[in-house]
Amino acid sequence: MVSVLGFGSSSSSSSSVSSRSSSPDVALAPSAAKEVNPLNPQGLKPCCACPETKSKRDDCFLKFPAEEATDQCKQLVQAHQACMRSYGFKV
C-alpha cells in the first residue's frame, strides 16, 4: 500500500508544500503592503471623499453655460480640490 501512496514521499511532499506556501504569500503581499493613509483612515475613494463640495461644484456647472461656468464656479472647484487634498488625494 505504501507503493501506491508513494507520491506522498518526503521529497515530493516538501516540494509541494513549499510551492503551496509560496503562492499564498504572493497573494497576501499586496494586502500586507497596503498602508493606511493617516489623512484618510477610513479608506474613502476619491468619488466618495467630499460629497458636499462635489455636489456644490457639480450644481454650479449645471447652472451656468459652459463659457461662464469656468469663471463662475472657480471658488467651488478650489474648495473641492482643497477638500480632496485634505484627504491626501493628489489633484
Protein backbone atom coordinates (compact mmCIF):
# COMPACT_ATOMS: atom_id res chain seq x y z
CA MET A 1 0.00 0.00 0.00
CA VAL A 2 2.94 2.30 0.56
CA SER A 3 3.98 1.91 -3.07
CA VAL A 4 0.52 3.07 -4.18
CA LEU A 5 0.72 6.13 -1.96
CA GLY A 6 4.37 6.67 -2.86
CA PHE A 7 3.55 10.03 -4.40
CA GLY A 8 3.43 11.36 -0.85
CA SER A 9 7.10 10.69 -0.15
CA SER A 10 9.04 13.26 1.82
CA SER A 11 10.83 14.74 -1.21
CA SER A 12 7.67 15.34 -3.23
CA SER A 13 5.58 16.45 -0.26
CA SER A 14 8.16 19.02 0.80
CA SER A 15 8.30 20.46 -2.70
CA SER A 16 4.53 20.58 -2.95
CA VAL A 17 4.28 22.19 0.48
CA SER A 18 6.89 24.77 -0.42
CA SER A 19 5.11 25.58 -3.67
CA ARG A 20 1.81 25.86 -1.86
CA SER A 21 3.24 28.05 0.88
CA SER A 22 4.86 30.42 -1.60
CA SER A 23 1.70 31.11 -3.59
CA PRO A 24 -0.39 32.36 -0.61
CA ASP A 25 2.49 34.64 0.37
CA VAL A 26 2.43 36.15 -3.09
CA ALA A 27 -1.33 36.59 -2.89
CA LEU A 28 -1.08 38.25 0.51
CA ALA A 29 1.79 40.55 -0.40
CA PRO A 30 -0.36 43.38 -1.88
CA SER A 31 -2.70 43.45 1.09
CA ALA A 32 0.19 43.31 3.54
CA ALA A 33 1.87 46.20 1.74
CA LYS A 34 -1.30 48.30 1.88
CA GLU A 35 -0.79 51.06 4.40
CA VAL A 36 -3.46 53.20 5.99
CA ASN A 37 -3.33 56.84 4.96
CA PRO A 38 -3.40 58.91 8.18
CA LEU A 39 -5.33 61.64 6.34
CA ASN A 40 -7.90 59.10 5.16
CA PRO A 41 -8.08 56.32 7.78
CA GLN A 42 -11.50 55.17 6.52
CA GLY A 43 -10.02 54.47 3.09
CA LEU A 44 -12.53 56.59 1.20
CA LYS A 45 -12.28 56.50 -2.57
CA PRO A 46 -11.98 59.83 -4.42
CA CYS A 47 -15.58 59.59 -5.61
CA CYS A 48 -16.87 59.48 -2.03
CA ALA A 49 -14.44 61.70 -0.13
CA CYS A 50 -16.02 65.18 -0.33
CA PRO A 51 -19.70 64.88 -1.21
CA GLU A 52 -20.65 68.38 0.00
CA THR A 53 -18.12 70.29 -2.09
CA LYS A 54 -18.56 67.92 -5.01
CA SER A 55 -22.32 68.44 -5.21
CA LYS A 56 -21.99 72.23 -4.93
CA ARG A 57 -19.34 72.23 -7.69
CA ASP A 58 -21.45 69.99 -9.94
CA ASP A 59 -24.61 72.05 -9.38
CA CYS A 60 -22.70 75.19 -10.31
CA PHE A 61 -21.51 73.67 -13.58
CA LEU A 62 -25.07 72.63 -14.40
CA LYS A 63 -26.44 76.07 -13.54
CA PHE A 64 -24.21 78.10 -15.88
CA PRO A 65 -23.41 77.76 -19.57
CA ALA A 66 -20.02 76.22 -20.35
CA GLU A 67 -18.49 79.59 -21.27
CA GLU A 68 -19.38 81.11 -17.89
CA ALA A 69 -19.05 78.04 -15.66
CA THR A 70 -15.26 78.14 -15.51
CA ASP A 71 -15.27 81.64 -14.02
CA GLN A 72 -18.48 81.35 -12.00
CA CYS A 73 -17.55 78.06 -10.35
CA LYS A 74 -13.85 78.70 -9.77
CA GLN A 75 -14.15 79.10 -5.99
CA LEU A 76 -16.24 75.93 -5.66
CA VAL A 77 -13.70 73.99 -7.71
CA GLN A 78 -10.89 75.28 -5.50
CA ALA A 79 -12.84 74.38 -2.35
CA HIS A 80 -13.40 70.85 -3.66
CA GLN A 81 -9.73 70.48 -4.54
CA ALA A 82 -8.74 71.65 -1.04
CA CYS A 83 -11.11 69.10 0.48
CA MET A 84 -9.67 66.32 -1.67
CA ARG A 85 -6.12 67.29 -0.72
CA SER A 86 -7.08 67.23 2.95
CA TYR A 87 -7.77 63.51 2.49
CA GLY A 88 -4.38 63.05 0.84
CA PHE A 89 -5.55 62.82 -2.77
CA LYS A 90 -3.30 64.37 -5.39
CA VAL A 91 -5.38 66.72 -7.51
